[in-house]
Amino acid sequence: MLTLDLKPNSKNFSSHPSKHFLLCPRLFLFCLYFSLCVLQLASGAFAADAGNLYNTIFDVRAGNKYFDRQCSRCHGIDARGDDEIGAPDLTGRLRRANTTAGIFDILRNGVPGTAMLALNPDVPDSLAWQVVAYIESLSSDPANIDLPGSVSRGKELYNENTDCAECHMIAGLGGRTGPDLSTVGERLHPKQISSALISPDEEVAPRWWTMSITDQDGNFYQGHRMSEDSFSLRIMDVKEELYSFPKNTLKEWNIDKASTMPSYQGKFTASELEDIIAFLFSLRGGRKL
C-alpha cells in the first residue's frame, strides 16, 4: 500500500502546491504578470466585440482629460482639427473609422504615412476606450435635439433668398470660396450655426482668413489663405484661382482675420433664421471611411 510522508520536514509538497510558488518567487511573479497580461488582452478584445464598455460620463471625462494632455497638441483643445498640419476635425464625420472598434484600432495602431501615431503601449486599454468614448461624445446626435424650424422651408430660403451657394458647396454644387456645407450638421451644433449666420466674425478658421499680397514687381493679389509655412504661402481668389508664392519674392503680405461672409442679422425674421438653421443642421451623413 502506498503511503505519503506528511511530516513537516517532508519533501513531498503535492498536497500543498502553493508551496512551490513560495519556494520559487520568480515563478510566482512570472505567473502573476502573465495572468494580468491575459486579462488585459481579454478585456480589450471583449470590449471590441461587445462595443465600448467604458462609456459612462465618468469615462468620457477621463478620456477628455487624456485628450487635452496628449491629443489636443494637433487636434486642438476643441478637437476641431488643424488644417495647417493635416490633423482632422474629430467633431463630425470620421474619415478613417466608421465603428467604435475602428476608432480604438486607430488609437492603438496609428495611421501609417501620417502624423497620427499610436498611443504609448503603456497606456491601458481601459484608458484608450475612454478616449474613444470622449471622441464619440463630440458628435451631436440629431435625435436628441429638437429644433423649432422647418427643414423644407429652410432649404427653400437657402436656395431662393440667399447667395450662399456662390461661396458654399452642398453635395458638389456651389462655390469653393467658403466652407463646404455638405455635412455641416455633423461639424456644428445648431447654436454654432446660428452664431455663424448672425456673427460670422466671432470664429474664423485660419483657412478662411484673407491675405493681401504685393510682390516685388508691385503686382497685387488677394484671396483666402489656403496654406502658409516659413518659406511660402498659397491663396485662392474670388474667381477660385490658386496662387503660390515663395516668400522671398514678395514685398509684403497682410492678413485680415475677419470673415468675408456677411451677417444675416436683420435680413431674415427670427422664424426664417430658425428654418435655415434647421436645414443646415439636417445636412449630415453617416460616420464612414
C-alpha atoms as a PDB file:
ATOM      1  CA  MET A   1       0.000   0.000   0.000  1.00  0.00           C
ATOM      2  CA  LEU A   2       1.338   3.412  -1.000  1.00  0.00           C
ATOM      3  CA  THR A   3       1.641   5.945   1.806  1.00  0.00           C
ATOM      4  CA  LEU A   4       2.702   9.604   1.818  1.00  0.00           C
ATOM      5  CA  ASP A   5       5.075  11.098   4.317  1.00  0.00           C
ATOM      6  CA  LEU A   6       3.275  14.188   5.652  1.00  0.00           C
ATOM      7  CA  LYS A   7       5.806  15.146   8.261  1.00  0.00           C
ATOM      8  CA  PRO A   8       6.817  18.840   8.406  1.00  0.00           C
ATOM      9  CA  ASN A   9      10.247  18.030   7.064  1.00  0.00           C
ATOM     10  CA  SER A  10       8.837  16.009   4.185  1.00  0.00           C
ATOM     11  CA  LYS A  11       9.963  16.947   0.692  1.00  0.00           C
ATOM     12  CA  ASN A  12       6.599  15.910  -0.754  1.00  0.00           C
ATOM     13  CA  PHE A  13       4.586  19.089  -1.427  1.00  0.00           C
ATOM     14  CA  SER A  14       1.960  17.553  -3.694  1.00  0.00           C
ATOM     15  CA  SER A  15      -0.787  18.300  -1.150  1.00  0.00           C
ATOM     16  CA  HIS A  16       0.327  21.956  -0.870  1.00  0.00           C
ATOM     17  CA  PRO A  17       1.002  23.242  -4.428  1.00  0.00           C
ATOM     18  CA  SER A  18       1.198  26.844  -3.237  1.00  0.00           C
ATOM     19  CA  LYS A  19       4.477  25.985  -1.540  1.00  0.00           C
ATOM     20  CA  HIS A  20       6.051  25.655  -4.967  1.00  0.00           C
ATOM     21  CA  PHE A  21       5.456  29.370  -5.511  1.00  0.00           C
ATOM     22  CA  LEU A  22       6.737  30.242  -2.062  1.00  0.00           C
ATOM     23  CA  LEU A  23       9.920  28.386  -2.799  1.00  0.00           C
ATOM     24  CA  CYS A  24      10.145  29.938  -6.326  1.00  0.00           C
ATOM     25  CA  PRO A  25       9.219  33.632  -6.065  1.00  0.00           C
ATOM     26  CA  ARG A  26      10.369  34.283  -9.621  1.00  0.00           C
ATOM     27  CA  LEU A  27       7.948  31.671 -10.939  1.00  0.00           C
ATOM     28  CA  PHE A  28       5.143  33.189  -8.846  1.00  0.00           C
ATOM     29  CA  LEU A  29       5.826  36.717 -10.139  1.00  0.00           C
ATOM     30  CA  PHE A  30       6.040  35.499 -13.734  1.00  0.00           C
ATOM     31  CA  CYS A  31       2.710  33.684 -13.472  1.00  0.00           C
ATOM     32  CA  LEU A  32       1.098  36.729 -11.862  1.00  0.00           C
ATOM     33  CA  TYR A  33       2.411  39.020 -14.609  1.00  0.00           C
ATOM     34  CA  PHE A  34       1.289  36.607 -17.338  1.00  0.00           C
ATOM     35  CA  SER A  35      -2.185  36.366 -15.829  1.00  0.00           C
ATOM     36  CA  LEU A  36      -2.550  40.157 -15.728  1.00  0.00           C
ATOM     37  CA  CYS A  37      -1.471  40.412 -19.377  1.00  0.00           C
ATOM     38  CA  VAL A  38      -4.020  37.803 -20.410  1.00  0.00           C
ATOM     39  CA  LEU A  39      -6.749  39.630 -18.501  1.00  0.00           C
ATOM     40  CA  GLN A  40      -5.770  42.946 -20.102  1.00  0.00           C
ATOM     41  CA  LEU A  41      -5.835  41.463 -23.613  1.00  0.00           C
ATOM     42  CA  ALA A  42      -9.095  39.690 -22.936  1.00  0.00           C
ATOM     43  CA  SER A  43     -10.773  42.844 -21.657  1.00  0.00           C
ATOM     44  CA  GLY A  44      -9.653  44.778 -24.744  1.00  0.00           C
ATOM     45  CA  ALA A  45     -10.844  42.075 -27.150  1.00  0.00           C
ATOM     46  CA  PHE A  46     -14.136  41.688 -25.290  1.00  0.00           C
ATOM     47  CA  ALA A  47     -14.764  45.420 -25.450  1.00  0.00           C
ATOM     48  CA  ALA A  48     -14.031  45.416 -29.177  1.00  0.00           C
ATOM     49  CA  ASP A  49     -16.567  42.630 -29.725  1.00  0.00           C
ATOM     50  CA  ALA A  50     -19.244  43.966 -27.383  1.00  0.00           C
ATOM     51  CA  GLY A  51     -18.833  47.680 -28.046  1.00  0.00           C
ATOM     52  CA  ASN A  52     -17.278  50.215 -25.728  1.00  0.00           C
ATOM     53  CA  LEU A  53     -17.850  49.161 -22.128  1.00  0.00           C
ATOM     54  CA  TYR A  54     -16.200  52.360 -20.889  1.00  0.00           C
ATOM     55  CA  ASN A  55     -18.917  54.805 -21.908  1.00  0.00           C
ATOM     56  CA  THR A  56     -20.232  56.384 -18.710  1.00  0.00           C
ATOM     57  CA  ILE A  57     -19.996  60.127 -18.087  1.00  0.00           C
ATOM     58  CA  PHE A  58     -17.006  59.425 -15.846  1.00  0.00           C
ATOM     59  CA  ASP A  59     -15.268  57.548 -18.689  1.00  0.00           C
ATOM     60  CA  VAL A  60     -15.961  60.419 -21.095  1.00  0.00           C
ATOM     61  CA  ARG A  61     -14.440  62.882 -18.620  1.00  0.00           C
ATOM     62  CA  ALA A  62     -11.377  60.679 -18.136  1.00  0.00           C
ATOM     63  CA  GLY A  63     -10.968  60.406 -21.898  1.00  0.00           C
ATOM     64  CA  ASN A  64     -11.336  64.182 -22.206  1.00  0.00           C
ATOM     65  CA  LYS A  65      -8.539  64.750 -19.683  1.00  0.00           C
ATOM     66  CA  TYR A  66      -6.174  62.458 -21.560  1.00  0.00           C
ATOM     67  CA  PHE A  67      -7.166  64.036 -24.887  1.00  0.00           C
ATOM     68  CA  ASP A  68      -6.417  67.529 -23.530  1.00  0.00           C
ATOM     69  CA  ARG A  69      -2.962  66.405 -22.378  1.00  0.00           C
ATOM     70  CA  GLN A  70      -1.864  64.364 -25.384  1.00  0.00           C
ATOM     71  CA  CYS A  71      -4.110  64.814 -28.427  1.00  0.00           C
ATOM     72  CA  SER A  72      -5.014  68.499 -28.340  1.00  0.00           C
ATOM     73  CA  ARG A  73      -1.492  69.411 -29.466  1.00  0.00           C
ATOM     74  CA  CYS A  74      -2.526  68.514 -33.012  1.00  0.00           C
ATOM     75  CA  HIS A  75      -6.316  68.245 -32.977  1.00  0.00           C
ATOM     76  CA  GLY A  76      -6.889  71.348 -30.858  1.00  0.00           C
ATOM     77  CA  ILE A  77      -8.414  71.751 -27.416  1.00  0.00           C
ATOM     78  CA  ASP A  78     -11.856  71.732 -29.088  1.00  0.00           C
ATOM     79  CA  ALA A  79     -10.968  68.696 -31.258  1.00  0.00           C
ATOM     80  CA  ARG A  80     -11.816  70.699 -34.376  1.00  0.00           C
ATOM     81  CA  GLY A  81      -8.505  69.814 -36.033  1.00  0.00           C
ATOM     82  CA  ASP A  82      -5.808  71.882 -37.693  1.00  0.00           C
ATOM     83  CA  ASP A  83      -5.672  72.225 -41.483  1.00  0.00           C
ATOM     84  CA  GLU A  84      -2.118  73.551 -41.256  1.00  0.00           C
ATOM     85  CA  ILE A  85      -0.710  70.229 -40.078  1.00  0.00           C
ATOM     86  CA  GLY A  86      -3.350  67.906 -41.515  1.00  0.00           C
ATOM     87  CA  ALA A  87      -4.969  66.983 -38.183  1.00  0.00           C
ATOM     88  CA  PRO A  88      -8.628  66.173 -38.954  1.00  0.00           C
ATOM     89  CA  ASP A  89     -11.707  67.568 -37.237  1.00  0.00           C
ATOM     90  CA  LEU A  90     -12.955  64.911 -34.788  1.00  0.00           C
ATOM     91  CA  THR A  91     -16.315  66.521 -34.055  1.00  0.00           C
ATOM     92  CA  GLY A  92     -18.078  65.314 -37.208  1.00  0.00           C
ATOM     93  CA  ARG A  93     -17.714  62.503 -39.703  1.00  0.00           C
ATOM     94  CA  LEU A  94     -14.574  60.473 -39.115  1.00  0.00           C
ATOM     95  CA  ARG A  95     -12.912  59.774 -42.421  1.00  0.00           C
ATOM     96  CA  ARG A  96     -10.852  56.772 -41.348  1.00  0.00           C
ATOM     97  CA  ALA A  97     -13.155  54.970 -38.922  1.00  0.00           C
ATOM     98  CA  ASN A  98     -16.830  54.049 -39.113  1.00  0.00           C
ATOM     99  CA  THR A  99     -17.175  51.995 -35.924  1.00  0.00           C
ATOM    100  CA  THR A 100     -16.289  52.289 -32.266  1.00  0.00           C
ATOM    101  CA  ALA A 101     -13.761  49.473 -32.660  1.00  0.00           C
ATOM    102  CA  GLY A 102     -12.315  51.284 -35.689  1.00  0.00           C
ATOM    103  CA  ILE A 103     -11.577  54.376 -33.587  1.00  0.00           C
ATOM    104  CA  PHE A 104      -9.932  52.179 -30.963  1.00  0.00           C
ATOM    105  CA  ASP A 105      -7.801  50.498 -33.647  1.00  0.00           C
ATOM    106  CA  ILE A 106      -6.545  53.871 -34.911  1.00  0.00           C
ATOM    107  CA  LEU A 107      -5.646  54.925 -31.367  1.00  0.00           C
ATOM    108  CA  ARG A 108      -3.764  51.694 -30.772  1.00  0.00           C
ATOM    109  CA  ASN A 109      -2.026  51.366 -34.151  1.00  0.00           C
ATOM    110  CA  GLY A 110      -1.916  54.906 -35.542  1.00  0.00           C
ATOM    111  CA  VAL A 111      -2.299  55.718 -39.250  1.00  0.00           C
ATOM    112  CA  PRO A 112       0.741  54.763 -41.379  1.00  0.00           C
ATOM    113  CA  GLY A 113       2.076  57.543 -43.562  1.00  0.00           C
ATOM    114  CA  THR A 114       0.558  60.309 -41.433  1.00  0.00           C
ATOM    115  CA  ALA A 115       1.433  62.213 -38.273  1.00  0.00           C
ATOM    116  CA  MET A 116      -1.111  60.120 -36.330  1.00  0.00           C
ATOM    117  CA  LEU A 117       0.973  57.951 -34.014  1.00  0.00           C
ATOM    118  CA  ALA A 118      -0.211  55.033 -31.935  1.00  0.00           C
ATOM    119  CA  LEU A 119      -0.827  55.505 -28.236  1.00  0.00           C
ATOM    120  CA  ASN A 120       2.055  54.648 -25.962  1.00  0.00           C
ATOM    121  CA  PRO A 121       1.950  50.864 -25.301  1.00  0.00           C
ATOM    122  CA  ASP A 122       1.939  51.665 -21.588  1.00  0.00           C
ATOM    123  CA  VAL A 123      -1.498  53.274 -21.909  1.00  0.00           C
ATOM    124  CA  PRO A 124      -4.002  50.638 -20.701  1.00  0.00           C
ATOM    125  CA  ASP A 125      -6.852  49.546 -22.946  1.00  0.00           C
ATOM    126  CA  SER A 126      -9.352  50.935 -20.455  1.00  0.00           C
ATOM    127  CA  LEU A 127      -7.973  54.462 -20.924  1.00  0.00           C
ATOM    128  CA  ALA A 128      -7.871  54.030 -24.712  1.00  0.00           C
ATOM    129  CA  TRP A 129     -11.569  53.097 -24.651  1.00  0.00           C
ATOM    130  CA  GLN A 130     -12.270  56.159 -22.504  1.00  0.00           C
ATOM    131  CA  VAL A 131     -10.643  58.324 -25.188  1.00  0.00           C
ATOM    132  CA  VAL A 132     -12.893  56.582 -27.743  1.00  0.00           C
ATOM    133  CA  ALA A 133     -15.907  57.451 -25.580  1.00  0.00           C
ATOM    134  CA  TYR A 134     -14.843  61.097 -25.483  1.00  0.00           C
ATOM    135  CA  ILE A 135     -14.343  61.278 -29.258  1.00  0.00           C
ATOM    136  CA  GLU A 136     -17.765  59.735 -29.861  1.00  0.00           C
ATOM    137  CA  SER A 137     -19.331  62.233 -27.462  1.00  0.00           C
ATOM    138  CA  LEU A 138     -18.189  65.107 -29.687  1.00  0.00           C
ATOM    139  CA  SER A 139     -20.663  64.307 -32.442  1.00  0.00           C
ATOM    140  CA  SER A 140     -24.155  65.749 -31.946  1.00  0.00           C
ATOM    141  CA  ASP A 141     -26.977  63.219 -32.106  1.00  0.00           C
ATOM    142  CA  PRO A 142     -29.815  64.920 -34.024  1.00  0.00           C
ATOM    143  CA  ALA A 143     -32.316  62.665 -32.297  1.00  0.00           C
ATOM    144  CA  ASN A 144     -31.554  64.470 -29.036  1.00  0.00           C
ATOM    145  CA  ILE A 145     -32.001  67.976 -30.479  1.00  0.00           C
ATOM    146  CA  ASP A 146     -35.459  69.388 -31.093  1.00  0.00           C
ATOM    147  CA  LEU A 147     -35.370  72.380 -33.450  1.00  0.00           C
ATOM    148  CA  PRO A 148     -38.352  74.694 -33.990  1.00  0.00           C
ATOM    149  CA  GLY A 149     -37.551  75.424 -37.636  1.00  0.00           C
ATOM    150  CA  SER A 150     -38.741  73.659 -40.776  1.00  0.00           C
ATOM    151  CA  VAL A 151     -36.122  71.867 -42.882  1.00  0.00           C
ATOM    152  CA  SER A 152     -38.148  72.198 -46.091  1.00  0.00           C
ATOM    153  CA  ARG A 153     -38.787  75.931 -45.621  1.00  0.00           C
ATOM    154  CA  GLY A 154     -35.146  76.436 -44.690  1.00  0.00           C
ATOM    155  CA  LYS A 155     -33.997  74.674 -47.851  1.00  0.00           C
ATOM    156  CA  GLU A 156     -36.271  76.907 -49.930  1.00  0.00           C
ATOM    157  CA  LEU A 157     -34.954  80.054 -48.224  1.00  0.00           C
ATOM    158  CA  TYR A 158     -31.346  78.920 -48.685  1.00  0.00           C
ATOM    159  CA  ASN A 159     -31.803  78.248 -52.398  1.00  0.00           C
ATOM    160  CA  GLU A 160     -34.012  81.204 -53.319  1.00  0.00           C
ATOM    161  CA  ASN A 161     -33.375  84.007 -50.818  1.00  0.00           C
ATOM    162  CA  THR A 162     -29.642  83.850 -50.126  1.00  0.00           C
ATOM    163  CA  ASP A 163     -26.474  83.962 -52.180  1.00  0.00           C
ATOM    164  CA  CYS A 164     -24.813  81.294 -50.013  1.00  0.00           C
ATOM    165  CA  ALA A 165     -24.290  78.934 -52.960  1.00  0.00           C
ATOM    166  CA  GLU A 166     -21.947  81.460 -54.571  1.00  0.00           C
ATOM    167  CA  CYS A 167     -19.380  80.646 -51.877  1.00  0.00           C
ATOM    168  CA  HIS A 168     -20.526  77.382 -50.268  1.00  0.00           C
ATOM    169  CA  MET A 169     -20.878  73.934 -51.761  1.00  0.00           C
ATOM    170  CA  ILE A 170     -23.506  71.320 -50.889  1.00  0.00           C
ATOM    171  CA  ALA A 171     -23.208  67.838 -52.392  1.00  0.00           C
ATOM    172  CA  GLY A 172     -20.848  69.055 -55.104  1.00  0.00           C
ATOM    173  CA  LEU A 173     -22.923  72.088 -56.134  1.00  0.00           C
ATOM    174  CA  GLY A 174     -21.876  75.651 -55.319  1.00  0.00           C
ATOM    175  CA  GLY A 175     -18.726  77.691 -54.834  1.00  0.00           C
ATOM    176  CA  ARG A 176     -15.418  76.962 -53.128  1.00  0.00           C
ATOM    177  CA  THR A 177     -14.639  80.300 -51.522  1.00  0.00           C
ATOM    178  CA  GLY A 178     -16.377  79.256 -48.296  1.00  0.00           C
ATOM    179  CA  PRO A 179     -16.513  76.072 -46.203  1.00  0.00           C
ATOM    180  CA  ASP A 180     -18.247  73.048 -47.736  1.00  0.00           C
ATOM    181  CA  LEU A 181     -21.667  72.687 -46.057  1.00  0.00           C
ATOM    182  CA  SER A 182     -22.413  69.143 -47.226  1.00  0.00           C
ATOM    183  CA  THR A 183     -22.025  67.757 -43.686  1.00  0.00           C
ATOM    184  CA  VAL A 184     -22.152  70.954 -41.631  1.00  0.00           C
ATOM    185  CA  GLY A 185     -24.755  69.366 -39.344  1.00  0.00           C
ATOM    186  CA  GLU A 186     -22.116  66.900 -38.189  1.00  0.00           C
ATOM    187  CA  ARG A 187     -19.495  69.553 -37.507  1.00  0.00           C
ATOM    188  CA  LEU A 188     -21.554  72.272 -35.849  1.00  0.00           C
ATOM    189  CA  HIS A 189     -24.232  72.404 -33.182  1.00  0.00           C
ATOM    190  CA  PRO A 190     -27.324  74.494 -34.062  1.00  0.00           C
ATOM    191  CA  LYS A 191     -26.085  77.249 -31.723  1.00  0.00           C
ATOM    192  CA  GLN A 192     -22.805  77.395 -33.660  1.00  0.00           C
ATOM    193  CA  ILE A 193     -24.677  77.545 -36.962  1.00  0.00           C
ATOM    194  CA  SER A 194     -26.788  80.405 -35.595  1.00  0.00           C
ATOM    195  CA  SER A 195     -23.651  82.245 -34.468  1.00  0.00           C
ATOM    196  CA  ALA A 196     -22.045  81.795 -37.896  1.00  0.00           C
ATOM    197  CA  LEU A 197     -25.128  83.298 -39.579  1.00  0.00           C
ATOM    198  CA  ILE A 198     -25.519  86.240 -37.201  1.00  0.00           C
ATOM    199  CA  SER A 199     -21.937  86.960 -36.065  1.00  0.00           C
ATOM    200  CA  PRO A 200     -19.619  85.417 -38.687  1.00  0.00           C
ATOM    201  CA  ASP A 201     -16.560  87.291 -37.366  1.00  0.00           C
ATOM    202  CA  GLU A 202     -16.694  85.587 -33.958  1.00  0.00           C
ATOM    203  CA  GLU A 203     -14.767  82.492 -35.026  1.00  0.00           C
ATOM    204  CA  VAL A 204     -12.932  82.348 -38.350  1.00  0.00           C
ATOM    205  CA  ALA A 205     -10.629  79.421 -39.096  1.00  0.00           C
ATOM    206  CA  PRO A 206      -7.161  80.408 -40.449  1.00  0.00           C
ATOM    207  CA  ARG A 207      -8.063  78.674 -43.708  1.00  0.00           C
ATOM    208  CA  TRP A 208     -10.628  81.433 -44.345  1.00  0.00           C
ATOM    209  CA  TRP A 209      -8.563  84.479 -43.426  1.00  0.00           C
ATOM    210  CA  THR A 210      -7.988  86.947 -46.274  1.00  0.00           C
ATOM    211  CA  MET A 211      -4.437  87.655 -47.424  1.00  0.00           C
ATOM    212  CA  SER A 212      -3.387  90.753 -49.344  1.00  0.00           C
ATOM    213  CA  ILE A 213      -0.089  90.273 -51.178  1.00  0.00           C
ATOM    214  CA  THR A 214       2.229  92.582 -53.095  1.00  0.00           C
ATOM    215  CA  ASP A 215       5.149  91.078 -54.958  1.00  0.00           C
ATOM    216  CA  GLN A 216       8.455  92.812 -55.662  1.00  0.00           C
ATOM    217  CA  ASP A 217       7.177  93.986 -59.055  1.00  0.00           C
ATOM    218  CA  GLY A 218       4.237  95.786 -57.414  1.00  0.00           C
ATOM    219  CA  ASN A 219       1.582  93.266 -58.504  1.00  0.00           C
ATOM    220  CA  PHE A 220      -1.286  92.951 -56.016  1.00  0.00           C
ATOM    221  CA  TYR A 221      -3.117  89.717 -55.143  1.00  0.00           C
ATOM    222  CA  GLN A 222      -5.864  88.982 -52.633  1.00  0.00           C
ATOM    223  CA  GLY A 223      -7.599  85.777 -51.615  1.00  0.00           C
ATOM    224  CA  HIS A 224      -8.289  83.236 -48.911  1.00  0.00           C
ATOM    225  CA  ARG A 225      -5.279  81.837 -47.106  1.00  0.00           C
ATOM    226  CA  MET A 226      -5.044  78.242 -48.322  1.00  0.00           C
ATOM    227  CA  SER A 227      -1.762  77.434 -46.598  1.00  0.00           C
ATOM    228  CA  GLU A 228       1.389  79.049 -45.245  1.00  0.00           C
ATOM    229  CA  ASP A 229       4.731  77.894 -43.919  1.00  0.00           C
ATOM    230  CA  SER A 230       8.090  79.514 -43.201  1.00  0.00           C
ATOM    231  CA  PHE A 231       9.030  79.796 -46.881  1.00  0.00           C
ATOM    232  CA  SER A 232       5.843  80.031 -48.938  1.00  0.00           C
ATOM    233  CA  LEU A 233       2.134  80.804 -48.954  1.00  0.00           C
ATOM    234  CA  ARG A 234      -0.816  79.952 -51.146  1.00  0.00           C
ATOM    235  CA  ILE A 235      -4.129  81.742 -51.699  1.00  0.00           C
ATOM    236  CA  MET A 236      -7.342  81.299 -53.680  1.00  0.00           C
ATOM    237  CA  ASP A 237      -9.007  84.426 -55.067  1.00  0.00           C
ATOM    238  CA  VAL A 238     -12.730  85.123 -55.558  1.00  0.00           C
ATOM    239  CA  LYS A 239     -12.552  83.543 -59.029  1.00  0.00           C
ATOM    240  CA  GLU A 240     -11.260  80.349 -57.363  1.00  0.00           C
ATOM    241  CA  GLU A 241      -7.845  80.782 -58.990  1.00  0.00           C
ATOM    242  CA  LEU A 242      -4.917  79.418 -56.961  1.00  0.00           C
ATOM    243  CA  TYR A 243      -1.649  81.323 -56.498  1.00  0.00           C
ATOM    244  CA  SER A 244       1.539  80.139 -54.788  1.00  0.00           C
ATOM    245  CA  PHE A 245       4.340  82.479 -53.737  1.00  0.00           C
ATOM    246  CA  PRO A 246       7.825  81.943 -52.310  1.00  0.00           C
ATOM    247  CA  LYS A 247       8.006  84.495 -49.504  1.00  0.00           C
ATOM    248  CA  ASN A 248      11.406  85.760 -50.611  1.00  0.00           C
ATOM    249  CA  THR A 249       9.780  87.067 -53.832  1.00  0.00           C
ATOM    250  CA  LEU A 250       7.213  89.212 -52.001  1.00  0.00           C
ATOM    251  CA  LYS A 251       7.410  92.824 -50.947  1.00  0.00           C
ATOM    252  CA  GLU A 252       4.729  92.477 -48.272  1.00  0.00           C
ATOM    253  CA  TRP A 253       1.704  90.484 -47.227  1.00  0.00           C
ATOM    254  CA  ASN A 254      -1.043  91.181 -44.703  1.00  0.00           C
ATOM    255  CA  ILE A 255      -3.715  89.057 -43.074  1.00  0.00           C
ATOM    256  CA  ASP A 256      -7.316  90.097 -42.367  1.00  0.00           C
ATOM    257  CA  LYS A 257      -8.839  87.677 -39.842  1.00  0.00           C
ATOM    258  CA  ALA A 258     -12.407  88.916 -40.358  1.00  0.00           C
ATOM    259  CA  SER A 259     -14.902  86.724 -42.210  1.00  0.00           C
ATOM    260  CA  THR A 260     -15.836  87.539 -45.797  1.00  0.00           C
ATOM    261  CA  MET A 261     -19.316  86.200 -45.050  1.00  0.00           C
ATOM    262  CA  PRO A 262     -21.980  88.871 -44.384  1.00  0.00           C
ATOM    263  CA  SER A 263     -24.169  88.786 -41.286  1.00  0.00           C
ATOM    264  CA  TYR A 264     -27.784  87.756 -41.801  1.00  0.00           C
ATOM    265  CA  GLN A 265     -28.907  89.595 -38.688  1.00  0.00           C
ATOM    266  CA  GLY A 266     -31.987  91.619 -39.703  1.00  0.00           C
ATOM    267  CA  LYS A 267     -32.102  90.133 -43.208  1.00  0.00           C
ATOM    268  CA  PHE A 268     -34.449  87.375 -42.094  1.00  0.00           C
ATOM    269  CA  THR A 269     -37.082  87.122 -39.384  1.00  0.00           C
ATOM    270  CA  ALA A 270     -36.353  85.023 -36.310  1.00  0.00           C
ATOM    271  CA  SER A 271     -38.639  82.307 -37.686  1.00  0.00           C
ATOM    272  CA  GLU A 272     -36.872  82.284 -41.062  1.00  0.00           C
ATOM    273  CA  LEU A 273     -33.482  82.009 -39.385  1.00  0.00           C
ATOM    274  CA  GLU A 274     -34.765  79.030 -37.411  1.00  0.00           C
ATOM    275  CA  ASP A 275     -35.813  77.395 -40.687  1.00  0.00           C
ATOM    276  CA  ILE A 276     -32.380  77.977 -42.276  1.00  0.00           C
ATOM    277  CA  ILE A 277     -30.640  76.615 -39.165  1.00  0.00           C
ATOM    278  CA  ALA A 278     -32.864  73.513 -39.235  1.00  0.00           C
ATOM    279  CA  PHE A 279     -31.982  72.936 -42.902  1.00  0.00           C
ATOM    280  CA  LEU A 280     -28.252  73.363 -42.380  1.00  0.00           C
ATOM    281  CA  PHE A 281     -28.290  71.105 -39.323  1.00  0.00           C
ATOM    282  CA  SER A 282     -30.013  68.420 -41.399  1.00  0.00           C
ATOM    283  CA  LEU A 283     -27.004  68.284 -43.738  1.00  0.00           C
ATOM    284  CA  ARG A 284     -25.178  65.239 -42.470  1.00  0.00           C
ATOM    285  CA  GLY A 285     -24.032  61.782 -43.455  1.00  0.00           C
ATOM    286  CA  GLY A 286     -23.002  58.565 -41.764  1.00  0.00           C
ATOM    287  CA  ARG A 287     -19.647  58.256 -39.978  1.00  0.00           C
ATOM    288  CA  LYS A 288     -17.810  56.431 -42.715  1.00  0.00           C
ATOM    289  CA  LEU A 289     -14.326  55.878 -44.026  1.00  0.00           C
END
